[in-house]
Amino acid sequence: MPYMNILTWDPEKRDAVIERVKTKGLEHEGIKVLGTWADVNGGRCFQITEEPSDPRFSIKANFSWNDIVQIETVPIMDAGELIKLLDSLK
């Protein structure tokens, strides 16, 4: 299932975030990163991932970063597909 991860960090954590990305990367076992985009104003990035429906994967991945970033994980789907699904429930 695809997810949107919104990662935010305080300005004083910027160097720690950059160093962690350089040393650990953005990949996590069992989670496929489809893309990561940085907010050009700083302090935030957006990441689309493909993850199993088992929440243990995102919990484990998020805990490895939660000392320096806050992560909001949101399940997502194509808007057209969502509209079709909602129409079928009527």
Protein backbone atom coordinates (compact mmCIF):
# COMPACT_ATOMS: atom_id res chain seq x y z
CA MET A 1 0.00 0.00 0.00
CA PRO A 2 1.35 3.49 -0.78
CA TYR A 3 1.93 6.01 2.00
CA MET A 4 2.88 9.69 2.14
CA ASN A 5 5.37 10.40 4.89
CA ILE A 6 5.77 14.01 5.93
CA LEU A 7 8.99 14.50 7.87
CA THR A 8 9.60 17.74 9.75
CA TRP A 9 12.48 18.82 11.94
CA ASP A 10 13.55 21.81 13.98
CA PRO A 11 16.19 24.06 12.39
CA GLU A 12 18.81 23.04 14.96
CA LYS A 13 18.37 19.38 13.87
CA ARG A 14 19.18 20.10 10.21
CA ASP A 15 22.79 18.93 10.33
CA ALA A 16 21.81 15.75 12.22
CA VAL A 17 19.17 14.98 9.58
CA ILE A 18 21.66 15.50 6.73
CA GLU A 19 24.26 13.30 8.45
CA ARG A 20 21.70 10.53 9.13
CA VAL A 21 20.60 10.53 5.49
CA LYS A 22 24.25 10.30 4.38
CA THR A 23 25.07 7.43 6.76
CA LYS A 24 21.82 5.44 6.91
CA GLY A 25 20.08 6.49 3.71
CA LEU A 26 16.33 6.66 3.32
CA GLU A 27 15.62 2.98 2.69
CA HIS A 28 14.31 0.66 5.40
CA GLU A 29 13.98 -3.11 5.18
CA GLY A 30 10.55 -4.09 3.83
CA ILE A 31 9.69 -0.55 2.70
CA LYS A 32 10.25 0.63 -0.86
CA VAL A 33 10.90 4.36 -1.22
CA LEU A 34 9.26 5.59 -4.44
CA GLY A 35 10.45 9.16 -4.12
CA THR A 36 11.54 11.86 -1.69
CA TRP A 37 11.09 15.60 -2.17
CA ALA A 38 12.60 18.33 -0.03
CA ASP A 39 10.85 21.55 0.87
CA VAL A 40 13.17 24.22 -0.58
CA ASN A 41 12.39 26.43 2.43
CA GLY A 42 13.94 23.76 4.68
CA GLY A 43 12.78 21.79 7.69
CA ARG A 44 10.54 19.35 5.85
CA CYS A 45 10.46 16.63 3.24
CA PHE A 46 7.80 14.47 1.64
CA GLN A 47 8.29 10.82 0.86
CA ILE A 48 6.11 8.31 -0.99
CA THR A 49 6.65 4.71 0.05
CA GLU A 50 5.20 1.33 -0.78
CA GLU A 51 4.72 -0.61 2.44
CA PRO A 52 3.07 -3.81 3.55
CA SER A 53 -0.29 -3.34 5.28
CA ASP A 54 1.36 -4.55 8.49
CA PRO A 55 1.87 -1.39 10.61
CA ARG A 56 4.96 -2.86 12.28
CA PHE A 57 7.02 -1.87 9.22
CA SER A 58 6.30 1.87 9.43
CA ILE A 59 6.47 1.91 13.22
CA LYS A 60 9.94 0.35 13.16
CA ALA A 61 11.13 2.69 10.38
CA ASN A 62 9.71 5.78 12.10
CA PHE A 63 11.26 4.90 15.47
CA SER A 64 14.71 4.86 13.89
CA TRP A 65 14.27 8.56 13.06
CA ASN A 66 12.01 9.95 15.80
CA ASP A 67 14.91 11.29 17.86
CA ILE A 68 15.50 14.03 15.26
CA VAL A 69 12.34 14.27 13.10
CA GLN A 70 8.60 14.11 13.49
CA ILE A 71 6.93 11.81 10.96
CA GLU A 72 3.31 11.83 9.88
CA THR A 73 2.42 8.73 7.85
CA VAL A 74 -0.75 8.85 5.74
CA PRO A 75 -2.16 6.02 3.59
CA ILE A 76 -2.85 7.35 0.09
CA MET A 77 -4.39 6.25 -3.19
CA ASP A 78 -4.99 7.70 -6.62
CA ALA A 79 -7.83 10.23 -6.37
CA GLY A 80 -9.66 8.77 -9.40
CA GLU A 81 -9.53 5.29 -7.86
CA LEU A 82 -10.85 6.65 -4.56
CA ILE A 83 -13.78 8.30 -6.32
CA LYS A 84 -14.62 5.02 -8.08
CA LEU A 85 -14.41 3.15 -4.78
CA LEU A 86 -16.64 5.66 -3.01
CA ASP A 87 -19.16 5.57 -5.88
CA SER A 88 -19.32 1.77 -5.59
CA LEU A 89 -20.27 2.06 -1.92
CA LYS A 90 -23.44 4.04 -2.65
